[in-house]
């Protein structure tokens, strides 16, 4: 499912137009990104948990040259029990 489909389904359920729901989803994603970049865990009951994983800088060898790789943050998603139950039926 793409972003457009999510927004149109959300608009239909909330009885709103797609511009309003698009703004809501953009703001939700922004809040989640900000929280994860601050290394805060984001839990959405019934859906799952987003866990930020910080990787420190390290030295890598690329084409025979040492390169300092910058620190990074990756995200691990752990589905909630309700989501797991619903996907098992599919």
C-alpha atoms as a PDB file:
ATOM      1  CA  UNK A   1       0.000   0.000   0.000  1.00  0.00           C
ATOM      2  CA  UNK A   2       1.405   3.384  -0.925  1.00  0.00           C
ATOM      3  CA  UNK A   3       1.040   6.779   0.741  1.00  0.00           C
ATOM      4  CA  UNK A   4      -1.813   7.883  -1.512  1.00  0.00           C
ATOM      5  CA  UNK A   5      -3.867   4.793  -0.699  1.00  0.00           C
ATOM      6  CA  UNK A   6      -3.284   5.187   3.036  1.00  0.00           C
ATOM      7  CA  UNK A   7      -4.392   8.823   2.911  1.00  0.00           C
ATOM      8  CA  UNK A   8      -7.510   8.082   0.859  1.00  0.00           C
ATOM      9  CA  UNK A   9      -8.579   5.227   3.162  1.00  0.00           C
ATOM     10  CA  UNK A  10      -7.914   7.343   6.235  1.00  0.00           C
ATOM     11  CA  UNK A  11      -9.886  10.243   4.734  1.00  0.00           C
ATOM     12  CA  UNK A  12     -12.825   7.950   4.060  1.00  0.00           C
ATOM     13  CA  UNK A  13     -12.830   6.528   7.613  1.00  0.00           C
ATOM     14  CA  UNK A  14     -12.468   9.947   9.265  1.00  0.00           C
ATOM     15  CA  UNK A  15     -14.869  11.682   6.899  1.00  0.00           C
ATOM     16  CA  UNK A  16     -12.174  14.220   5.958  1.00  0.00           C
ATOM     17  CA  UNK A  17     -10.567  15.267   2.699  1.00  0.00           C
ATOM     18  CA  UNK A  18      -7.248  13.772   1.587  1.00  0.00           C
ATOM     19  CA  UNK A  19      -5.337  17.048   2.063  1.00  0.00           C
ATOM     20  CA  UNK A  20      -6.192  17.016   5.763  1.00  0.00           C
ATOM     21  CA  UNK A  21      -5.283  13.357   6.241  1.00  0.00           C
ATOM     22  CA  UNK A  22      -2.096  13.850   4.228  1.00  0.00           C
ATOM     23  CA  UNK A  23      -1.088  16.632   6.619  1.00  0.00           C
ATOM     24  CA  UNK A  24      -1.873  14.423   9.616  1.00  0.00           C
ATOM     25  CA  UNK A  25       0.216  11.505   8.327  1.00  0.00           C
ATOM     26  CA  UNK A  26       3.112  13.830   7.446  1.00  0.00           C
ATOM     27  CA  UNK A  27       3.069  15.261  10.959  1.00  0.00           C
ATOM     28  CA  UNK A  28       2.904  11.771  12.490  1.00  0.00           C
ATOM     29  CA  UNK A  29       5.911  10.640  10.458  1.00  0.00           C
ATOM     30  CA  UNK A  30       7.765  13.817  11.452  1.00  0.00           C
ATOM     31  CA  UNK A  31       7.138  13.191  15.170  1.00  0.00           C
ATOM     32  CA  UNK A  32       8.281   9.565  14.836  1.00  0.00           C
ATOM     33  CA  UNK A  33      11.453  10.615  12.958  1.00  0.00           C
ATOM     34  CA  UNK A  34      12.292  13.260  15.562  1.00  0.00           C
ATOM     35  CA  UNK A  35      11.802  10.795  18.416  1.00  0.00           C
ATOM     36  CA  UNK A  36      13.939   8.124  16.768  1.00  0.00           C
ATOM     37  CA  UNK A  37      16.710  10.607  15.954  1.00  0.00           C
ATOM     38  CA  UNK A  38      16.765  11.466  19.684  1.00  0.00           C
ATOM     39  CA  UNK A  39      17.173   7.710  20.313  1.00  0.00           C
ATOM     40  CA  UNK A  40      13.722   7.451  21.901  1.00  0.00           C
ATOM     41  CA  UNK A  41      11.712   4.269  21.403  1.00  0.00           C
ATOM     42  CA  UNK A  42       8.323   4.756  19.709  1.00  0.00           C
ATOM     43  CA  UNK A  43       5.548   2.347  20.706  1.00  0.00           C
ATOM     44  CA  UNK A  44       2.177   2.276  18.972  1.00  0.00           C
ATOM     45  CA  UNK A  45      -0.216   0.010  20.911  1.00  0.00           C
ATOM     46  CA  UNK A  46      -1.676  -2.758  18.773  1.00  0.00           C
ATOM     47  CA  UNK A  47       0.821  -2.071  15.992  1.00  0.00           C
ATOM     48  CA  UNK A  48       4.369  -2.378  17.272  1.00  0.00           C
ATOM     49  CA  UNK A  49       7.536  -0.715  18.491  1.00  0.00           C
ATOM     50  CA  UNK A  50      10.217   1.184  16.608  1.00  0.00           C
ATOM     51  CA  UNK A  51      13.607   0.830  18.312  1.00  0.00           C
ATOM     52  CA  UNK A  52      16.485   3.119  17.278  1.00  0.00           C
ATOM     53  CA  UNK A  53      19.877   1.419  17.065  1.00  0.00           C
ATOM     54  CA  UNK A  54      22.904   3.713  17.117  1.00  0.00           C
ATOM     55  CA  UNK A  55      26.003   2.548  15.302  1.00  0.00           C
ATOM     56  CA  UNK A  56      29.243   4.281  16.267  1.00  0.00           C
ATOM     57  CA  UNK A  57      31.721   5.599  13.734  1.00  0.00           C
ATOM     58  CA  UNK A  58      34.213   3.062  12.461  1.00  0.00           C
ATOM     59  CA  UNK A  59      37.090   2.756  10.025  1.00  0.00           C
ATOM     60  CA  UNK A  60      36.434   0.815   6.840  1.00  0.00           C
ATOM     61  CA  UNK A  61      38.803  -0.074   4.038  1.00  0.00           C
ATOM     62  CA  UNK A  62      37.444   0.834   0.610  1.00  0.00           C
ATOM     63  CA  UNK A  63      39.625   0.183  -2.443  1.00  0.00           C
ATOM     64  CA  UNK A  64      42.678  -0.062  -0.214  1.00  0.00           C
ATOM     65  CA  UNK A  65      42.058   3.275   1.500  1.00  0.00           C
ATOM     66  CA  UNK A  66      41.007   3.731   5.109  1.00  0.00           C
ATOM     67  CA  UNK A  67      37.743   5.655   5.354  1.00  0.00           C
ATOM     68  CA  UNK A  68      36.113   6.947   8.533  1.00  0.00           C
ATOM     69  CA  UNK A  69      32.445   6.020   8.360  1.00  0.00           C
ATOM     70  CA  UNK A  70      30.159   8.406  10.287  1.00  0.00           C
ATOM     71  CA  UNK A  71      27.880   7.286  13.103  1.00  0.00           C
ATOM     72  CA  UNK A  72      24.373   6.326  12.051  1.00  0.00           C
ATOM     73  CA  UNK A  73      20.989   5.413  13.447  1.00  0.00           C
ATOM     74  CA  UNK A  74      19.016   2.490  12.067  1.00  0.00           C
ATOM     75  CA  UNK A  75      15.540   1.454  13.128  1.00  0.00           C
ATOM     76  CA  UNK A  76      14.347  -1.991  14.161  1.00  0.00           C
ATOM     77  CA  UNK A  77      10.603  -2.662  14.050  1.00  0.00           C
ATOM     78  CA  UNK A  78       9.043  -5.187  16.411  1.00  0.00           C
ATOM     79  CA  UNK A  79       5.400  -5.947  15.557  1.00  0.00           C
ATOM     80  CA  UNK A  80       2.887  -5.955  18.404  1.00  0.00           C
ATOM     81  CA  UNK A  81       0.940  -9.048  19.360  1.00  0.00           C
ATOM     82  CA  UNK A  82      -2.288  -7.744  17.815  1.00  0.00           C
ATOM     83  CA  UNK A  83      -0.540  -7.129  14.483  1.00  0.00           C
ATOM     84  CA  UNK A  84       1.039 -10.591  14.617  1.00  0.00           C
ATOM     85  CA  UNK A  85      -2.373 -12.180  15.250  1.00  0.00           C
ATOM     86  CA  UNK A  86      -3.982 -10.282  12.355  1.00  0.00           C
ATOM     87  CA  UNK A  87      -1.240 -11.193   9.864  1.00  0.00           C
ATOM     88  CA  UNK A  88      -1.400 -14.897  10.719  1.00  0.00           C
ATOM     89  CA  UNK A  89      -4.984 -14.996   9.437  1.00  0.00           C
ATOM     90  CA  UNK A  90      -3.994 -13.691   6.012  1.00  0.00           C
END
